[in-house]
């Protein structure tokens, strides 16, 4: 699994992890967050490495299926991109504006945008 796939799986897990079975969540957390090997997880659950591998693949497939149907991650990413573009435009407008009232209102909007990142 490359870095982009790991990042995507983590993002999908953040959005849809609670929709997985308890066992799938536990296996995903041990593998992705605790960095345990398949063998270590297999020992933890008294199952085979293949069983762990299958659980991970099934969980990842379920996450992808949820995203195909709901598209929450896609919408989130598009929203973040739009907000970043708006933020850049506001920065440019603040620099170019000679109207203090407009500048103050734009800075208020930037504050709201910045609060979204917290």
N, C-alpha and C. Protein backbone atom coordinates (compact mmCIF):
# COMPACT_ATOMS: atom_id res chain seq x y z
N UNK A 1 0.85 -1.17 0.00
CA UNK A 1 0.00 0.00 0.00
C UNK A 1 0.90 1.24 0.00
N UNK A 2 0.70 2.14 -0.97
CA UNK A 2 1.53 3.35 -1.01
C UNK A 2 0.92 4.43 -0.11
N UNK A 3 1.65 5.53 0.01
CA UNK A 3 1.27 6.61 0.93
C UNK A 3 -0.12 7.16 0.60
N UNK A 4 -0.41 7.39 -0.68
CA UNK A 4 -1.72 7.92 -1.07
C UNK A 4 -2.85 6.96 -0.70
N UNK A 5 -2.61 5.67 -0.88
CA UNK A 5 -3.63 4.68 -0.52
C UNK A 5 -3.85 4.64 0.99
N UNK A 6 -2.78 4.76 1.75
CA UNK A 6 -2.89 4.77 3.21
C UNK A 6 -3.66 6.01 3.66
N UNK A 7 -3.33 7.14 3.07
CA UNK A 7 -4.03 8.39 3.40
C UNK A 7 -5.51 8.28 3.06
N UNK A 8 -5.80 7.75 1.88
CA UNK A 8 -7.19 7.61 1.46
C UNK A 8 -7.94 6.64 2.39
N UNK A 9 -7.32 5.53 2.73
CA UNK A 9 -7.96 4.56 3.63
C UNK A 9 -8.23 5.19 4.99
N UNK A 10 -7.29 5.98 5.49
CA UNK A 10 -7.47 6.65 6.79
C UNK A 10 -8.63 7.64 6.73
N UNK A 11 -8.71 8.37 5.64
CA UNK A 11 -9.80 9.33 5.48
C UNK A 11 -11.14 8.62 5.39
N UNK A 12 -11.19 7.55 4.62
CA UNK A 12 -12.42 6.77 4.52
C UNK A 12 -12.81 6.20 5.88
N UNK A 13 -11.81 5.73 6.62
CA UNK A 13 -12.07 5.19 7.96
C UNK A 13 -12.63 6.27 8.89
N UNK A 14 -12.08 7.48 8.80
CA UNK A 14 -12.58 8.58 9.62
C UNK A 14 -14.06 8.86 9.34
N UNK A 15 -14.45 8.78 8.09
CA UNK A 15 -15.83 9.06 7.71
C UNK A 15 -16.77 7.88 7.97
N UNK A 16 -16.33 6.68 7.66
CA UNK A 16 -17.23 5.54 7.65
C UNK A 16 -16.86 4.42 8.63
N UNK A 17 -15.84 4.59 9.41
CA UNK A 17 -15.37 3.54 10.30
C UNK A 17 -16.44 2.97 11.21
N UNK A 18 -17.32 3.82 11.70
CA UNK A 18 -18.36 3.36 12.61
C UNK A 18 -19.39 2.46 11.93
N UNK A 19 -19.36 2.42 10.60
CA UNK A 19 -20.27 1.55 9.87
C UNK A 19 -19.72 0.13 9.71
N UNK A 20 -18.44 -0.05 10.03
CA UNK A 20 -17.82 -1.38 9.95
C UNK A 20 -18.22 -2.21 11.16
N UNK A 21 -18.01 -3.52 11.04
CA UNK A 21 -18.25 -4.38 12.21
C UNK A 21 -17.20 -4.07 13.27
N UNK A 22 -17.48 -4.49 14.48
CA UNK A 22 -16.54 -4.26 15.58
C UNK A 22 -15.19 -4.91 15.25
N UNK A 23 -15.20 -6.13 14.76
CA UNK A 23 -13.96 -6.85 14.43
C UNK A 23 -13.19 -6.11 13.34
N UNK A 24 -13.89 -5.64 12.29
CA UNK A 24 -13.21 -4.91 11.22
C UNK A 24 -12.58 -3.63 11.76
N UNK A 25 -13.29 -2.92 12.63
CA UNK A 25 -12.73 -1.70 13.22
C UNK A 25 -11.48 -2.01 14.03
N UNK A 26 -11.56 -3.06 14.85
CA UNK A 26 -10.41 -3.42 15.69
C UNK A 26 -9.20 -3.80 14.84
N UNK A 27 -9.41 -4.59 13.81
CA UNK A 27 -8.31 -5.00 12.94
C UNK A 27 -7.73 -3.79 12.21
N UNK A 28 -8.59 -2.93 11.70
CA UNK A 28 -8.12 -1.72 11.00
C UNK A 28 -7.29 -0.84 11.95
N UNK A 29 -7.77 -0.66 13.17
CA UNK A 29 -7.06 0.19 14.13
C UNK A 29 -5.70 -0.41 14.49
N UNK A 30 -5.66 -1.71 14.74
CA UNK A 30 -4.39 -2.34 15.09
C UNK A 30 -3.39 -2.27 13.94
N UNK A 31 -3.88 -2.45 12.73
CA UNK A 31 -2.99 -2.47 11.57
C UNK A 31 -2.56 -1.05 11.17
N UNK A 32 -3.50 -0.15 11.06
CA UNK A 32 -3.20 1.19 10.54
C UNK A 32 -2.74 2.18 11.60
N UNK A 33 -3.29 2.07 12.81
CA UNK A 33 -2.94 3.05 13.84
C UNK A 33 -1.84 2.55 14.77
N UNK A 34 -1.90 1.28 15.13
CA UNK A 34 -0.91 0.72 16.04
C UNK A 34 0.29 0.12 15.30
N UNK A 35 0.17 0.01 13.98
CA UNK A 35 1.22 -0.53 13.11
C UNK A 35 1.63 -1.96 13.48
N UNK A 36 0.65 -2.74 13.93
CA UNK A 36 0.95 -4.15 14.21
C UNK A 36 0.98 -4.93 12.90
N UNK A 37 1.78 -5.97 12.86
CA UNK A 37 1.86 -6.82 11.67
C UNK A 37 0.64 -7.74 11.63
N UNK A 38 0.45 -8.37 10.47
CA UNK A 38 -0.64 -9.33 10.33
C UNK A 38 -0.49 -10.45 11.36
N UNK A 39 0.75 -10.90 11.56
CA UNK A 39 1.01 -11.98 12.53
C UNK A 39 0.65 -11.56 13.95
N UNK A 40 1.01 -10.34 14.32
CA UNK A 40 0.70 -9.86 15.67
C UNK A 40 -0.80 -9.74 15.88
N UNK A 41 -1.50 -9.26 14.87
CA UNK A 41 -2.96 -9.15 14.98
C UNK A 41 -3.58 -10.54 15.03
N UNK A 42 -3.06 -11.45 14.23
CA UNK A 42 -3.57 -12.82 14.23
C UNK A 42 -3.45 -13.43 15.62
N UNK A 43 -2.32 -13.20 16.28
CA UNK A 43 -2.14 -13.71 17.65
C UNK A 43 -3.15 -13.08 18.59
N UNK A 44 -3.36 -11.79 18.43
CA UNK A 44 -4.29 -11.05 19.29
C UNK A 44 -5.70 -11.64 19.24
N UNK A 45 -6.13 -12.04 18.04
CA UNK A 45 -7.50 -12.54 17.85
C UNK A 45 -7.57 -14.06 17.74
N UNK A 46 -6.43 -14.71 17.84
CA UNK A 46 -6.36 -16.18 17.70
C UNK A 46 -6.96 -16.64 16.37
N UNK A 47 -6.54 -15.95 15.31
CA UNK A 47 -6.94 -16.34 13.96
C UNK A 47 -5.69 -16.40 13.09
N UNK A 48 -5.83 -16.84 11.86
CA UNK A 48 -4.69 -16.94 10.96
C UNK A 48 -4.33 -15.57 10.38
N UNK A 49 -3.11 -15.49 9.86
CA UNK A 49 -2.69 -14.28 9.14
C UNK A 49 -3.63 -14.02 7.98
N UNK A 50 -4.02 -15.10 7.30
CA UNK A 50 -4.93 -14.96 6.16
C UNK A 50 -6.28 -14.40 6.62
N UNK A 51 -6.72 -14.81 7.80
CA UNK A 51 -7.97 -14.28 8.36
C UNK A 51 -7.88 -12.78 8.61
N UNK A 52 -6.73 -12.35 9.10
CA UNK A 52 -6.50 -10.91 9.33
C UNK A 52 -6.47 -10.18 7.99
N UNK A 53 -5.74 -10.75 7.05
CA UNK A 53 -5.65 -10.15 5.71
C UNK A 53 -7.04 -10.01 5.10
N UNK A 54 -7.84 -11.06 5.19
CA UNK A 54 -9.19 -11.03 4.63
C UNK A 54 -10.05 -9.97 5.33
N UNK A 55 -9.92 -9.87 6.65
CA UNK A 55 -10.69 -8.88 7.41
C UNK A 55 -10.32 -7.46 6.98
N UNK A 56 -9.02 -7.23 6.80
CA UNK A 56 -8.56 -5.91 6.33
C UNK A 56 -9.10 -5.59 4.94
N UNK A 57 -8.98 -6.54 4.04
CA UNK A 57 -9.44 -6.32 2.66
C UNK A 57 -10.95 -6.11 2.61
N UNK A 58 -11.69 -6.89 3.41
CA UNK A 58 -13.14 -6.72 3.45
C UNK A 58 -13.53 -5.36 4.03
N UNK A 59 -12.80 -4.93 5.04
CA UNK A 59 -13.08 -3.62 5.65
C UNK A 59 -12.77 -2.50 4.65
N UNK A 60 -11.63 -2.60 3.97
CA UNK A 60 -11.27 -1.59 2.98
C UNK A 60 -12.27 -1.56 1.83
N UNK A 61 -12.74 -2.72 1.41
CA UNK A 61 -13.74 -2.79 0.35
C UNK A 61 -15.05 -2.16 0.82
N UNK A 62 -15.43 -2.42 2.06
CA UNK A 62 -16.66 -1.84 2.61
C UNK A 62 -16.55 -0.31 2.64
N UNK A 63 -15.38 0.20 3.07
CA UNK A 63 -15.18 1.65 3.11
C UNK A 63 -15.31 2.26 1.71
N UNK A 64 -14.71 1.61 0.72
CA UNK A 64 -14.81 2.09 -0.67
C UNK A 64 -16.25 2.04 -1.17
N UNK A 65 -16.97 0.99 -0.81
CA UNK A 65 -18.37 0.87 -1.21
C UNK A 65 -19.22 1.99 -0.60
N UNK A 66 -18.97 2.29 0.68
CA UNK A 66 -19.70 3.39 1.32
C UNK A 66 -19.42 4.71 0.59
N UNK A 67 -18.16 4.92 0.24
CA UNK A 67 -17.81 6.16 -0.46
C UNK A 67 -18.46 6.22 -1.84
N UNK A 68 -18.51 5.10 -2.55
CA UNK A 68 -19.16 5.08 -3.86
C UNK A 68 -20.63 5.49 -3.75
N UNK A 69 -21.27 5.04 -2.69
CA UNK A 69 -22.70 5.32 -2.52
C UNK A 69 -22.96 6.71 -1.95
N UNK A 70 -22.18 7.11 -0.96
CA UNK A 70 -22.47 8.34 -0.23
C UNK A 70 -21.65 9.54 -0.67
N UNK A 71 -20.43 9.29 -1.14
CA UNK A 71 -19.53 10.32 -1.67
C UNK A 71 -19.24 11.45 -0.67
N UNK A 72 -19.21 11.13 0.61
CA UNK A 72 -18.95 12.14 1.63
C UNK A 72 -17.52 12.66 1.59
N UNK A 73 -16.56 11.77 1.37
CA UNK A 73 -15.16 12.19 1.31
C UNK A 73 -14.94 13.09 0.09
N UNK A 74 -15.50 12.70 -1.03
CA UNK A 74 -15.38 13.52 -2.24
C UNK A 74 -15.96 14.91 -2.01
N UNK A 75 -17.13 14.99 -1.41
CA UNK A 75 -17.76 16.28 -1.13
C UNK A 75 -16.93 17.10 -0.14
N UNK A 76 -16.38 16.43 0.87
CA UNK A 76 -15.54 17.11 1.84
C UNK A 76 -14.31 17.71 1.16
N UNK A 77 -13.65 16.91 0.31
CA UNK A 77 -12.45 17.39 -0.37
C UNK A 77 -12.76 18.56 -1.30
N UNK A 78 -13.88 18.49 -2.01
CA UNK A 78 -14.27 19.59 -2.89
C UNK A 78 -14.57 20.85 -2.08
N UNK A 79 -15.20 20.69 -0.94
CA UNK A 79 -15.50 21.84 -0.07
C UNK A 79 -14.22 22.48 0.43
N UNK A 80 -13.26 21.65 0.85
CA UNK A 80 -11.98 22.18 1.34
C UNK A 80 -11.25 22.95 0.23
N UNK A 81 -11.26 22.40 -0.99
CA UNK A 81 -10.61 23.08 -2.11
C UNK A 81 -11.28 24.43 -2.39
N UNK A 82 -12.61 24.45 -2.37
CA UNK A 82 -13.34 25.70 -2.61
C UNK A 82 -13.03 26.73 -1.52
N UNK A 83 -13.00 26.29 -0.28
CA UNK A 83 -12.71 27.20 0.82
C UNK A 83 -11.29 27.76 0.69
N UNK A 84 -10.34 26.92 0.30
CA UNK A 84 -8.96 27.39 0.11
C UNK A 84 -8.88 28.44 -1.01
N UNK A 85 -9.62 28.22 -2.09
CA UNK A 85 -9.63 29.20 -3.20
C UNK A 85 -10.27 30.52 -2.74
N UNK A 86 -11.35 30.42 -1.99
CA UNK A 86 -12.01 31.62 -1.46
C UNK A 86 -11.06 32.37 -0.54
N UNK A 87 -10.33 31.66 0.29
CA UNK A 87 -9.38 32.26 1.22
C UNK A 87 -8.30 33.06 0.47
N UNK A 88 -7.79 32.48 -0.61
CA UNK A 88 -6.78 33.17 -1.43
C UNK A 88 -7.36 34.44 -2.04
N UNK A 89 -8.57 34.35 -2.56
CA UNK A 89 -9.21 35.52 -3.17
C UNK A 89 -9.43 36.62 -2.14
N UNK A 90 -9.85 36.24 -0.94
CA UNK A 90 -10.04 37.23 0.12
C UNK A 90 -8.72 37.90 0.47
N UNK A 91 -7.64 37.11 0.57
CA UNK A 91 -6.31 37.69 0.83
C UNK A 91 -5.97 38.74 -0.21
N UNK A 92 -6.20 38.42 -1.48
CA UNK A 92 -5.91 39.37 -2.55
C UNK A 92 -6.77 40.63 -2.43
N UNK A 93 -8.04 40.45 -2.12
CA UNK A 93 -8.95 41.60 -1.99
C UNK A 93 -8.55 42.50 -0.83
N UNK A 94 -8.13 41.90 0.29
CA UNK A 94 -7.71 42.68 1.45
C UNK A 94 -6.49 43.52 1.09
N UNK A 95 -5.54 42.92 0.38
CA UNK A 95 -4.32 43.65 -0.02
C UNK A 95 -4.63 44.80 -0.96
N UNK A 96 -5.59 44.61 -1.83
CA UNK A 96 -5.89 45.61 -2.87
C UNK A 96 -6.91 46.65 -2.41
N UNK A 97 -7.66 46.37 -1.36
CA UNK A 97 -8.75 47.25 -0.94
C UNK A 97 -8.24 48.50 -0.24
N UNK A 98 -8.88 49.61 -0.55
CA UNK A 98 -8.60 50.86 0.14
C UNK A 98 -9.77 51.22 1.06
N UNK A 99 -10.79 50.40 1.04
CA UNK A 99 -12.00 50.63 1.83
C UNK A 99 -11.87 49.86 3.15
N UNK A 100 -11.72 50.61 4.26
CA UNK A 100 -11.52 49.97 5.56
C UNK A 100 -12.72 49.14 5.99
N UNK A 101 -13.92 49.58 5.66
CA UNK A 101 -15.13 48.84 6.01
C UNK A 101 -15.13 47.48 5.29
N UNK A 102 -14.82 47.49 4.00
CA UNK A 102 -14.77 46.25 3.22
C UNK A 102 -13.66 45.34 3.75
N UNK A 103 -12.51 45.91 4.04
CA UNK A 103 -11.38 45.14 4.56
C UNK A 103 -11.77 44.46 5.88
N UNK A 104 -12.44 45.19 6.75
CA UNK A 104 -12.87 44.62 8.02
C UNK A 104 -13.85 43.47 7.83
N UNK A 105 -14.77 43.62 6.89
CA UNK A 105 -15.74 42.55 6.62
C UNK A 105 -15.06 41.33 6.02
N UNK A 106 -14.09 41.57 5.12
CA UNK A 106 -13.35 40.45 4.53
C UNK A 106 -12.55 39.71 5.60
N UNK A 107 -11.93 40.46 6.50
CA UNK A 107 -11.16 39.83 7.58
C UNK A 107 -12.08 39.03 8.51
N UNK A 108 -13.32 39.48 8.69
CA UNK A 108 -14.29 38.71 9.48
C UNK A 108 -14.59 37.38 8.79
N UNK A 109 -14.72 37.42 7.48
CA UNK A 109 -14.96 36.18 6.72
C UNK A 109 -13.76 35.25 6.86
N UNK A 110 -12.54 35.79 6.78
CA UNK A 110 -11.34 34.97 6.94
C UNK A 110 -11.30 34.32 8.33
N UNK A 111 -11.74 35.03 9.34
CA UNK A 111 -11.78 34.47 10.70
C UNK A 111 -12.72 33.27 10.74
N UNK A 112 -13.87 33.39 10.09
CA UNK A 112 -14.82 32.28 10.03
C UNK A 112 -14.19 31.09 9.31
N UNK A 113 -13.50 31.34 8.21
CA UNK A 113 -12.84 30.27 7.45
C UNK A 113 -11.76 29.61 8.32
N UNK A 114 -10.98 30.43 9.03
CA UNK A 114 -9.92 29.89 9.89
C UNK A 114 -10.50 29.02 11.00
N UNK A 115 -11.69 29.36 11.50
CA UNK A 115 -12.32 28.57 12.55
C UNK A 115 -12.72 27.18 12.04
N UNK A 116 -12.97 27.07 10.76
CA UNK A 116 -13.30 25.76 10.17
C UNK A 116 -12.15 24.77 10.29
N UNK A 117 -10.93 25.28 10.29
CA UNK A 117 -9.74 24.42 10.35
C UNK A 117 -9.41 23.96 11.77
N UNK A 118 -10.09 24.51 12.76
CA UNK A 118 -9.78 24.14 14.15
C UNK A 118 -10.55 22.94 14.59
